[in-house]
Amino acid sequence: ASSDYQTEASCQRLSHFLENTLNPYVANVTAAAVLCSRVLCQGAGRC
């Protein structure tokens, strides 16, 4: 929402959350979906 990040403090918290929690998890799930598609579905489908 437009009200989520309206202060520098909220932006700093977001930056920390992205770097330490969200990005590593999103990258893990994204890569796992790619790998599963490759090894189980020949890259022609999703798991």
All heavy atoms as atom14 arrays in JSON, in Angstrom:
{
  "sequence": "ASSDYQTEASCQRLSHFLENTLNPYVANVTAAAVLCSRVLCQGAGRC",
  "atom14_mask": [
    [1, 1, 1, 1, 1, 0, 0, 0, 0, 0, 0, 0, 0, 0],
    [1, 1, 1, 1, 1, 1, 0, 0, 0, 0, 0, 0, 0, 0],
    [1, 1, 1, 1, 1, 1, 0, 0, 0, 0, 0, 0, 0, 0],
    [1, 1, 1, 1, 1, 1, 1, 1, 0, 0, 0, 0, 0, 0],
    [1, 1, 1, 1, 1, 1, 1, 1, 1, 1, 1, 1, 0, 0],
    [1, 1, 1, 1, 1, 1, 1, 1, 1, 0, 0, 0, 0, 0],
    [1, 1, 1, 1, 1, 1, 1, 0, 0, 0, 0, 0, 0, 0],
    [1, 1, 1, 1, 1, 1, 1, 1, 1, 0, 0, 0, 0, 0],
    [1, 1, 1, 1, 1, 0, 0, 0, 0, 0, 0, 0, 0, 0],
    [1, 1, 1, 1, 1, 1, 0, 0, 0, 0, 0, 0, 0, 0],
    [1, 1, 1, 1, 1, 1, 0, 0, 0, 0, 0, 0, 0, 0],
    [1, 1, 1, 1, 1, 1, 1, 1, 1, 0, 0, 0, 0, 0],
    [1, 1, 1, 1, 1, 1, 1, 1, 1, 1, 1, 0, 0, 0],
    [1, 1, 1, 1, 1, 1, 1, 1, 0, 0, 0, 0, 0, 0],
    [1, 1, 1, 1, 1, 1, 0, 0, 0, 0, 0, 0, 0, 0],
    [1, 1, 1, 1, 1, 1, 1, 1, 1, 1, 0, 0, 0, 0],
    [1, 1, 1, 1, 1, 1, 1, 1, 1, 1, 1, 0, 0, 0],
    [1, 1, 1, 1, 1, 1, 1, 1, 0, 0, 0, 0, 0, 0],
    [1, 1, 1, 1, 1, 1, 1, 1, 1, 0, 0, 0, 0, 0],
    [1, 1, 1, 1, 1, 1, 1, 1, 0, 0, 0, 0, 0, 0],
    [1, 1, 1, 1, 1, 1, 1, 0, 0, 0, 0, 0, 0, 0],
    [1, 1, 1, 1, 1, 1, 1, 1, 0, 0, 0, 0, 0, 0],
    [1, 1, 1, 1, 1, 1, 1, 1, 0, 0, 0, 0, 0, 0],
    [1, 1, 1, 1, 1, 1, 1, 0, 0, 0, 0, 0, 0, 0],
    [1, 1, 1, 1, 1, 1, 1, 1, 1, 1, 1, 1, 0, 0],
    [1, 1, 1, 1, 1, 1, 1, 0, 0, 0, 0, 0, 0, 0],
    [1, 1, 1, 1, 1, 0, 0, 0, 0, 0, 0, 0, 0, 0],
    [1, 1, 1, 1, 1, 1, 1, 1, 0, 0, 0, 0, 0, 0],
    [1, 1, 1, 1, 1, 1, 1, 0, 0, 0, 0, 0, 0, 0],
    [1, 1, 1, 1, 1, 1, 1, 0, 0, 0, 0, 0, 0, 0],
    [1, 1, 1, 1, 1, 0, 0, 0, 0, 0, 0, 0, 0, 0],
    [1, 1, 1, 1, 1, 0, 0, 0, 0, 0, 0, 0, 0, 0],
    [1, 1, 1, 1, 1, 0, 0, 0, 0, 0, 0, 0, 0, 0],
    [1, 1, 1, 1, 1, 1, 1, 0, 0, 0, 0, 0, 0, 0],
    [1, 1, 1, 1, 1, 1, 1, 1, 0, 0, 0, 0, 0, 0],
    [1, 1, 1, 1, 1, 1, 0, 0, 0, 0, 0, 0, 0, 0],
    [1, 1, 1, 1, 1, 1, 0, 0, 0, 0, 0, 0, 0, 0],
    [1, 1, 1, 1, 1, 1, 1, 1, 1, 1, 1, 0, 0, 0],
    [1, 1, 1, 1, 1, 1, 1, 0, 0, 0, 0, 0, 0, 0],
    [1, 1, 1, 1, 1, 1, 1, 1, 0, 0, 0, 0, 0, 0],
    [1, 1, 1, 1, 1, 1, 0, 0, 0, 0, 0, 0, 0, 0],
    [1, 1, 1, 1, 1, 1, 1, 1, 1, 0, 0, 0, 0, 0],
    [1, 1, 1, 1, 0, 0, 0, 0, 0, 0, 0, 0, 0, 0],
    [1, 1, 1, 1, 1, 0, 0, 0, 0, 0, 0, 0, 0, 0],
    [1, 1, 1, 1, 0, 0, 0, 0, 0, 0, 0, 0, 0, 0],
    [1, 1, 1, 1, 1, 1, 1, 1, 1, 1, 1, 0, 0, 0],
    [1, 1, 1, 1, 1, 1, 0, 0, 0, 0, 0, 0, 0, 0]
  ],
  "atom14_positions": [
    [[0.84, -1.2, 0.0], [0.0, 0.0, 0.0], [0.87, 1.25, 0.0], [2.05, 1.22, 0.38], [-0.91, 0.0, 1.22], [0.0, 0.0, 0.0], [0.0, 0.0, 0.0], [0.0, 0.0, 0.0], [0.0, 0.0, 0.0], [0.0, 0.0, 0.0], [0.0, 0.0, 0.0], [0.0, 0.0, 0.0], [0.0, 0.0, 0.0], [0.0, 0.0, 0.0]],
    [[0.29, 2.37, -0.4], [1.04, 3.63, -0.45], [1.46, 4.08, 0.94], [2.41, 4.85, 1.09], [0.19, 4.71, -1.11], [-1.04, 4.88, -0.42], [0.0, 0.0, 0.0], [0.0, 0.0, 0.0], [0.0, 0.0, 0.0], [0.0, 0.0, 0.0], [0.0, 0.0, 0.0], [0.0, 0.0, 0.0], [0.0, 0.0, 0.0], [0.0, 0.0, 0.0]],
    [[0.79, 3.58, 1.98], [1.11, 3.99, 3.35], [2.17, 3.1, 4.01], [2.58, 3.37, 5.14], [-0.17, 3.96, 4.21], [-0.73, 2.65, 4.22], [0.0, 0.0, 0.0], [0.0, 0.0, 0.0], [0.0, 0.0, 0.0], [0.0, 0.0, 0.0], [0.0, 0.0, 0.0], [0.0, 0.0, 0.0], [0.0, 0.0, 0.0], [0.0, 0.0, 0.0]],
    [[2.64, 2.07, 3.33], [3.54, 1.11, 3.97], [4.92, 1.7, 4.26], [5.52, 1.41, 5.3], [3.7, -0.14, 3.09], [2.46, -1.01, 3.09], [1.59, -0.8, 3.96], [2.34, -1.89, 2.21], [0.0, 0.0, 0.0], [0.0, 0.0, 0.0], [0.0, 0.0, 0.0], [0.0, 0.0, 0.0], [0.0, 0.0, 0.0], [0.0, 0.0, 0.0]],
    [[5.45, 2.48, 3.34], [6.82, 2.98, 3.47], [6.84, 4.49, 3.29], [7.2, 5.01, 2.24], [7.74, 2.28, 2.46], [7.55, 0.77, 2.48], [6.94, 0.12, 1.4], [7.94, 0.01, 3.58], [6.74, -1.25, 1.43], [7.73, -1.36, 3.61], [7.13, -1.98, 2.53], [6.92, -3.34, 2.58], [0.0, 0.0, 0.0], [0.0, 0.0, 0.0]],
    [[6.43, 5.18, 4.35], [6.27, 6.64, 4.3], [7.27, 7.38, 5.18], [7.21, 8.6, 5.28], [4.85, 7.01, 4.71], [3.8, 6.68, 3.67], [3.99, 7.47, 2.38], [3.94, 8.7, 2.38], [4.24, 6.78, 1.29], [0.0, 0.0, 0.0], [0.0, 0.0, 0.0], [0.0, 0.0, 0.0], [0.0, 0.0, 0.0], [0.0, 0.0, 0.0]],
    [[8.18, 6.64, 5.8], [9.21, 7.27, 6.62], [10.55, 6.62, 6.3], [10.6, 5.48, 5.79], [8.93, 7.09, 8.12], [9.02, 5.69, 8.45], [7.55, 7.61, 8.49], [0.0, 0.0, 0.0], [0.0, 0.0, 0.0], [0.0, 0.0, 0.0], [0.0, 0.0, 0.0], [0.0, 0.0, 0.0], [0.0, 0.0, 0.0], [0.0, 0.0, 0.0]],
    [[11.63, 7.33, 6.61], [12.95, 6.75, 6.38], [13.16, 5.52, 7.25], [13.81, 4.57, 6.83], [14.03, 7.8, 6.65], [14.1, 8.91, 5.61], [15.34, 9.75, 5.74], [16.29, 9.32, 6.44], [15.39, 10.84, 5.13], [0.0, 0.0, 0.0], [0.0, 0.0, 0.0], [0.0, 0.0, 0.0], [0.0, 0.0, 0.0], [0.0, 0.0, 0.0]],
    [[12.59, 5.52, 8.44], [12.73, 4.36, 9.33], [12.07, 3.13, 8.72], [12.63, 2.02, 8.77], [12.11, 4.67, 10.69], [0.0, 0.0, 0.0], [0.0, 0.0, 0.0], [0.0, 0.0, 0.0], [0.0, 0.0, 0.0], [0.0, 0.0, 0.0], [0.0, 0.0, 0.0], [0.0, 0.0, 0.0], [0.0, 0.0, 0.0], [0.0, 0.0, 0.0]],
    [[10.88, 3.3, 8.13], [10.2, 2.16, 7.5], [10.97, 1.67, 6.28], [11.02, 0.47, 6.01], [8.77, 2.52, 7.12], [8.73, 3.55, 6.14], [0.0, 0.0, 0.0], [0.0, 0.0, 0.0], [0.0, 0.0, 0.0], [0.0, 0.0, 0.0], [0.0, 0.0, 0.0], [0.0, 0.0, 0.0], [0.0, 0.0, 0.0], [0.0, 0.0, 0.0]],
    [[11.59, 2.58, 5.56], [12.41, 2.19, 4.4], [13.66, 1.43, 4.85], [14.07, 0.46, 4.19], [12.81, 3.43, 3.6], [11.45, 4.22, 2.71], [0.0, 0.0, 0.0], [0.0, 0.0, 0.0], [0.0, 0.0, 0.0], [0.0, 0.0, 0.0], [0.0, 0.0, 0.0], [0.0, 0.0, 0.0], [0.0, 0.0, 0.0], [0.0, 0.0, 0.0]],
    [[14.25, 1.85, 5.94], [15.42, 1.15, 6.47], [15.04, -0.26, 6.91], [15.79, -1.22, 6.66], [16.02, 1.93, 7.65], [16.66, 3.26, 7.28], [18.0, 3.11, 6.55], [18.43, 2.0, 6.22], [18.65, 4.24, 6.3], [0.0, 0.0, 0.0], [0.0, 0.0, 0.0], [0.0, 0.0, 0.0], [0.0, 0.0, 0.0], [0.0, 0.0, 0.0]],
    [[13.89, -0.39, 7.55], [13.43, -1.72, 7.97], [13.19, -2.61, 6.76], [13.53, -3.8, 6.76], [12.16, -1.61, 8.81], [12.36, -1.04, 10.2], [11.15, -1.31, 11.09], [9.94, -0.7, 10.58], [9.53, 0.53, 10.89], [10.26, 1.28, 11.72], [8.41, 1.02, 10.39], [0.0, 0.0, 0.0], [0.0, 0.0, 0.0], [0.0, 0.0, 0.0]],
    [[12.6, -2.03, 5.71], [12.36, -2.78, 4.49], [13.67, -3.24, 3.86], [13.81, -4.4, 3.45], [11.56, -1.94, 3.48], [11.39, -2.56, 2.09], [10.65, -3.89, 2.17], [10.67, -1.58, 1.16], [0.0, 0.0, 0.0], [0.0, 0.0, 0.0], [0.0, 0.0, 0.0], [0.0, 0.0, 0.0], [0.0, 0.0, 0.0], [0.0, 0.0, 0.0]],
    [[14.65, -2.35, 3.78], [15.95, -2.69, 3.2], [16.59, -3.86, 3.95], [17.11, -4.8, 3.34], [16.87, -1.48, 3.24], [18.13, -1.78, 2.72], [0.0, 0.0, 0.0], [0.0, 0.0, 0.0], [0.0, 0.0, 0.0], [0.0, 0.0, 0.0], [0.0, 0.0, 0.0], [0.0, 0.0, 0.0], [0.0, 0.0, 0.0], [0.0, 0.0, 0.0]],
    [[16.52, -3.82, 5.27], [17.09, -4.89, 6.1], [16.33, -6.2, 5.89], [16.95, -7.29, 5.77], [17.05, -4.49, 7.57], [17.7, -5.46, 8.49], [17.0, -6.49, 9.09], [19.0, -5.59, 8.9], [17.82, -7.2, 9.83], [19.04, -6.68, 9.73], [0.0, 0.0, 0.0], [0.0, 0.0, 0.0], [0.0, 0.0, 0.0], [0.0, 0.0, 0.0]],
    [[15.01, -6.12, 5.82], [14.2, -7.32, 5.63], [14.46, -7.96, 4.26], [14.56, -9.19, 4.13], [12.72, -6.97, 5.77], [11.77, -8.13, 5.61], [11.68, -9.11, 6.59], [10.98, -8.26, 4.48], [10.81, -10.18, 6.46], [10.11, -9.32, 4.33], [10.03, -10.28, 5.32], [0.0, 0.0, 0.0], [0.0, 0.0, 0.0], [0.0, 0.0, 0.0]],
    [[14.58, -7.13, 3.23], [14.88, -7.64, 1.89], [16.21, -8.38, 1.89], [16.3, -9.53, 1.42], [14.93, -6.48, 0.89], [13.59, -5.91, 0.41], [13.82, -4.57, -0.29], [12.89, -6.88, -0.52], [0.0, 0.0, 0.0], [0.0, 0.0, 0.0], [0.0, 0.0, 0.0], [0.0, 0.0, 0.0], [0.0, 0.0, 0.0], [0.0, 0.0, 0.0]],
    [[17.24, -7.74, 2.41], [18.58, -8.3, 2.33], [18.75, -9.56, 3.16], [19.39, -10.52, 2.71], [19.6, -7.25, 2.77], [21.05, -7.72, 2.65], [22.04, -6.63, 3.03], [21.61, -5.47, 3.18], [23.23, -6.95, 3.2], [0.0, 0.0, 0.0], [0.0, 0.0, 0.0], [0.0, 0.0, 0.0], [0.0, 0.0, 0.0], [0.0, 0.0, 0.0]],
    [[18.14, -9.6, 4.33], [18.42, -10.68, 5.28], [17.38, -11.79, 5.31], [17.7, -12.91, 5.74], [18.58, -10.1, 6.69], [19.79, -9.2, 6.81], [20.91, -9.68, 6.92], [19.56, -7.89, 6.79], [0.0, 0.0, 0.0], [0.0, 0.0, 0.0], [0.0, 0.0, 0.0], [0.0, 0.0, 0.0], [0.0, 0.0, 0.0], [0.0, 0.0, 0.0]],
    [[16.16, -11.5, 4.9], [15.11, -12.51, 5.03], [14.39, -12.8, 3.72], [14.35, -13.95, 3.26], [14.07, -12.04, 6.08], [14.74, -11.77, 7.31], [13.02, -13.12, 6.31], [0.0, 0.0, 0.0], [0.0, 0.0, 0.0], [0.0, 0.0, 0.0], [0.0, 0.0, 0.0], [0.0, 0.0, 0.0], [0.0, 0.0, 0.0], [0.0, 0.0, 0.0]],
    [[13.79, -11.78, 3.11], [12.93, -12.02, 1.96], [13.7, -12.48, 0.74], [13.36, -13.49, 0.11], [12.13, -10.76, 1.64], [11.11, -10.9, 0.49], [10.08, -11.96, 0.83], [10.45, -9.56, 0.2], [0.0, 0.0, 0.0], [0.0, 0.0, 0.0], [0.0, 0.0, 0.0], [0.0, 0.0, 0.0], [0.0, 0.0, 0.0], [0.0, 0.0, 0.0]],
    [[14.74, -11.75, 0.34], [15.46, -12.1, -0.88], [16.05, -13.51, -0.85], [15.91, -14.26, -1.82], [16.56, -11.07, -1.16], [15.99, -9.76, -1.68], [14.8, -9.66, -1.97], [16.83, -8.74, -1.8], [0.0, 0.0, 0.0], [0.0, 0.0, 0.0], [0.0, 0.0, 0.0], [0.0, 0.0, 0.0], [0.0, 0.0, 0.0], [0.0, 0.0, 0.0]],
    [[16.73, -13.92, 0.24], [17.25, -15.28, 0.26], [16.15, -16.34, 0.12], [16.34, -17.35, -0.55], [17.94, -15.38, 1.62], [18.32, -13.97, 1.95], [17.2, -13.14, 1.4], [0.0, 0.0, 0.0], [0.0, 0.0, 0.0], [0.0, 0.0, 0.0], [0.0, 0.0, 0.0], [0.0, 0.0, 0.0], [0.0, 0.0, 0.0], [0.0, 0.0, 0.0]],
    [[14.99, -16.08, 0.75], [13.92, -17.08, 0.65], [13.31, -17.1, -0.75], [13.08, -18.16, -1.33], [12.83, -16.83, 1.69], [11.78, -17.91, 1.64], [12.08, -19.2, 2.07], [10.51, -17.67, 1.12], [11.14, -20.23, 1.99], [9.57, -18.68, 1.03], [9.9, -19.96, 1.47], [8.97, -20.97, 1.37], [0.0, 0.0, 0.0], [0.0, 0.0, 0.0]],
    [[13.03, -15.92, -1.32], [12.47, -15.85, -2.67], [13.42, -16.51, -3.66], [13.0, -17.27, -4.55], [12.2, -14.38, -3.06], [11.97, -14.25, -4.57], [11.0, -13.85, -2.29], [0.0, 0.0, 0.0], [0.0, 0.0, 0.0], [0.0, 0.0, 0.0], [0.0, 0.0, 0.0], [0.0, 0.0, 0.0], [0.0, 0.0, 0.0], [0.0, 0.0, 0.0]],
    [[14.72, -16.23, -3.53], [15.71, -16.84, -4.43], [15.72, -18.36, -4.29], [15.83, -19.08, -5.29], [17.09, -16.26, -4.14], [0.0, 0.0, 0.0], [0.0, 0.0, 0.0], [0.0, 0.0, 0.0], [0.0, 0.0, 0.0], [0.0, 0.0, 0.0], [0.0, 0.0, 0.0], [0.0, 0.0, 0.0], [0.0, 0.0, 0.0], [0.0, 0.0, 0.0]],
    [[15.6, -18.85, -3.06], [15.59, -20.29, -2.84], [14.4, -20.95, -3.52], [14.55, -21.94, -4.25], [15.57, -20.56, -1.33], [15.72, -22.04, -1.0], [14.96, -22.88, -1.45], [16.71, -22.35, -0.16], [0.0, 0.0, 0.0], [0.0, 0.0, 0.0], [0.0, 0.0, 0.0], [0.0, 0.0, 0.0], [0.0, 0.0, 0.0], [0.0, 0.0, 0.0]],
    [[13.21, -20.42, -3.3], [12.0, -21.01, -3.89], [12.01, -20.89, -5.41], [11.65, -21.85, -6.12], [10.74, -20.33, -3.31], [9.49, -20.81, -4.02], [10.63, -20.61, -1.81], [0.0, 0.0, 0.0], [0.0, 0.0, 0.0], [0.0, 0.0, 0.0], [0.0, 0.0, 0.0], [0.0, 0.0, 0.0], [0.0, 0.0, 0.0], [0.0, 0.0, 0.0]],
    [[12.44, -19.75, -5.92], [12.5, -19.56, -7.38], [13.44, -20.58, -8.01], [13.1, -21.22, -9.02], [12.99, -18.14, -7.71], [12.12, -17.18, -7.1], [13.02, -17.91, -9.22], [0.0, 0.0, 0.0], [0.0, 0.0, 0.0], [0.0, 0.0, 0.0], [0.0, 0.0, 0.0], [0.0, 0.0, 0.0], [0.0, 0.0, 0.0], [0.0, 0.0, 0.0]],
    [[14.63, -20.74, -7.43], [15.61, -21.68, -7.96], [15.13, -23.12, -7.82], [15.34, -23.95, -8.72], [16.95, -21.5, -7.25], [0.0, 0.0, 0.0], [0.0, 0.0, 0.0], [0.0, 0.0, 0.0], [0.0, 0.0, 0.0], [0.0, 0.0, 0.0], [0.0, 0.0, 0.0], [0.0, 0.0, 0.0], [0.0, 0.0, 0.0], [0.0, 0.0, 0.0]],
    [[14.47, -23.43, -6.71], [13.96, -24.79, -6.52], [12.9, -25.13, -7.56], [12.87, -26.25, -8.09], [13.39, -24.93, -5.11], [0.0, 0.0, 0.0], [0.0, 0.0, 0.0], [0.0, 0.0, 0.0], [0.0, 0.0, 0.0], [0.0, 0.0, 0.0], [0.0, 0.0, 0.0], [0.0, 0.0, 0.0], [0.0, 0.0, 0.0], [0.0, 0.0, 0.0]],
    [[12.04, -24.16, -7.88], [11.02, -24.4, -8.9], [11.65, -24.63, -10.27], [11.22, -25.49, -11.04], [10.05, -23.21, -8.96], [0.0, 0.0, 0.0], [0.0, 0.0, 0.0], [0.0, 0.0, 0.0], [0.0, 0.0, 0.0], [0.0, 0.0, 0.0], [0.0, 0.0, 0.0], [0.0, 0.0, 0.0], [0.0, 0.0, 0.0], [0.0, 0.0, 0.0]],
    [[12.71, -23.85, -10.57], [13.43, -24.05, -11.84], [14.09, -25.42, -11.87], [13.98, -26.16, -12.85], [14.49, -22.94, -12.03], [15.39, -23.27, -13.22], [13.83, -21.58, -12.22], [0.0, 0.0, 0.0], [0.0, 0.0, 0.0], [0.0, 0.0, 0.0], [0.0, 0.0, 0.0], [0.0, 0.0, 0.0], [0.0, 0.0, 0.0], [0.0, 0.0, 0.0]],
    [[14.77, -25.78, -10.79], [15.49, -27.05, -10.75], [14.53, -28.23, -10.83], [14.77, -29.19, -11.58], [16.32, -27.14, -9.47], [17.15, -28.42, -9.3], [18.15, -28.58, -10.44], [17.86, -28.41, -7.95], [0.0, 0.0, 0.0], [0.0, 0.0, 0.0], [0.0, 0.0, 0.0], [0.0, 0.0, 0.0], [0.0, 0.0, 0.0], [0.0, 0.0, 0.0]],
    [[13.42, -28.18, -10.1], [12.45, -29.27, -10.15], [11.88, -29.42, -11.55], [11.7, -30.53, -12.05], [11.33, -29.02, -9.14], [10.19, -30.41, -8.97], [0.0, 0.0, 0.0], [0.0, 0.0, 0.0], [0.0, 0.0, 0.0], [0.0, 0.0, 0.0], [0.0, 0.0, 0.0], [0.0, 0.0, 0.0], [0.0, 0.0, 0.0], [0.0, 0.0, 0.0]],
    [[11.59, -28.29, -12.2], [11.1, -28.34, -13.58], [12.11, -29.02, -14.5], [11.75, -29.84, -15.36], [10.81, -26.92, -14.08], [10.48, -26.91, -15.45], [0.0, 0.0, 0.0], [0.0, 0.0, 0.0], [0.0, 0.0, 0.0], [0.0, 0.0, 0.0], [0.0, 0.0, 0.0], [0.0, 0.0, 0.0], [0.0, 0.0, 0.0], [0.0, 0.0, 0.0]],
    [[13.39, -28.73, -14.29], [14.42, -29.32, -15.14], [14.59, -30.82, -14.91], [14.64, -31.61, -15.86], [15.75, -28.62, -14.89], [15.83, -27.19, -15.4], [17.2, -26.59, -15.06], [17.31, -25.19, -15.4], [18.36, -24.43, -15.12], [19.4, -24.96, -14.48], [18.39, -23.15, -15.47], [0.0, 0.0, 0.0], [0.0, 0.0, 0.0], [0.0, 0.0, 0.0]],
    [[14.7, -31.2, -13.64], [15.06, -32.6, -13.35], [13.86, -33.54, -13.4], [14.02, -34.73, -13.66], [15.77, -32.72, -11.98], [17.03, -31.88, -11.95], [14.84, -32.36, -10.82], [0.0, 0.0, 0.0], [0.0, 0.0, 0.0], [0.0, 0.0, 0.0], [0.0, 0.0, 0.0], [0.0, 0.0, 0.0], [0.0, 0.0, 0.0], [0.0, 0.0, 0.0]],
    [[12.65, -33.01, -13.17], [11.47, -33.89, -13.13], [10.58, -33.74, -14.35], [9.95, -34.71, -14.77], [10.65, -33.59, -11.86], [9.55, -34.59, -11.51], [10.12, -35.99, -11.26], [8.76, -34.11, -10.29], [0.0, 0.0, 0.0], [0.0, 0.0, 0.0], [0.0, 0.0, 0.0], [0.0, 0.0, 0.0], [0.0, 0.0, 0.0], [0.0, 0.0, 0.0]],
    [[10.55, -32.55, -14.96], [9.6, -32.28, -16.04], [10.29, -31.93, -17.36], [9.64, -31.4, -18.27], [8.65, -31.14, -15.65], [7.86, -31.34, -14.04], [0.0, 0.0, 0.0], [0.0, 0.0, 0.0], [0.0, 0.0, 0.0], [0.0, 0.0, 0.0], [0.0, 0.0, 0.0], [0.0, 0.0, 0.0], [0.0, 0.0, 0.0], [0.0, 0.0, 0.0]],
    [[11.58, -32.19, -17.46], [12.35, -31.91, -18.67], [12.28, -30.45, -19.1], [12.42, -30.11, -20.29], [11.88, -32.81, -19.84], [11.94, -34.31, -19.59], [10.71, -34.81, -18.82], [9.59, -34.62, -19.27], [10.94, -35.47, -17.69], [0.0, 0.0, 0.0], [0.0, 0.0, 0.0], [0.0, 0.0, 0.0], [0.0, 0.0, 0.0], [0.0, 0.0, 0.0]],
    [[12.02, -29.56, -18.15], [11.93, -28.14, -18.45], [10.68, -27.75, -19.21], [10.52, -26.6, -19.62], [0.0, 0.0, 0.0], [0.0, 0.0, 0.0], [0.0, 0.0, 0.0], [0.0, 0.0, 0.0], [0.0, 0.0, 0.0], [0.0, 0.0, 0.0], [0.0, 0.0, 0.0], [0.0, 0.0, 0.0], [0.0, 0.0, 0.0], [0.0, 0.0, 0.0]],
    [[9.76, -28.7, -19.39], [8.56, -28.46, -20.21], [7.29, -28.4, -19.37], [6.19, -28.49, -19.89], [8.43, -29.57, -21.25], [0.0, 0.0, 0.0], [0.0, 0.0, 0.0], [0.0, 0.0, 0.0], [0.0, 0.0, 0.0], [0.0, 0.0, 0.0], [0.0, 0.0, 0.0], [0.0, 0.0, 0.0], [0.0, 0.0, 0.0], [0.0, 0.0, 0.0]],
    [[7.46, -28.23, -18.07], [6.3, -28.13, -17.18], [6.76, -27.65, -15.82], [7.96, -27.55, -15.56], [0.0, 0.0, 0.0], [0.0, 0.0, 0.0], [0.0, 0.0, 0.0], [0.0, 0.0, 0.0], [0.0, 0.0, 0.0], [0.0, 0.0, 0.0], [0.0, 0.0, 0.0], [0.0, 0.0, 0.0], [0.0, 0.0, 0.0], [0.0, 0.0, 0.0]],
    [[5.81, -27.37, -14.94], [6.14, -26.96, -13.58], [5.75, -28.07, -12.61], [4.83, -28.84, -12.85], [5.46, -25.64, -13.21], [3.96, -25.68, -13.11], [3.41, -24.35, -12.55], [3.94, -23.19, -13.22], [3.41, -22.63, -14.3], [2.33, -23.17, -14.85], [3.94, -21.57, -14.86], [0.0, 0.0, 0.0], [0.0, 0.0, 0.0], [0.0, 0.0, 0.0]],
    [[6.46, -28.11, -11.49], [6.18, -29.11, -10.47], [5.02, -28.65, -9.58], [4.9, -27.47, -9.27], [7.41, -29.34, -9.6], [8.8, -30.09, -10.48], [0.0, 0.0, 0.0], [0.0, 0.0, 0.0], [0.0, 0.0, 0.0], [0.0, 0.0, 0.0], [0.0, 0.0, 0.0], [0.0, 0.0, 0.0], [0.0, 0.0, 0.0], [0.0, 0.0, 0.0]]
  ]
}
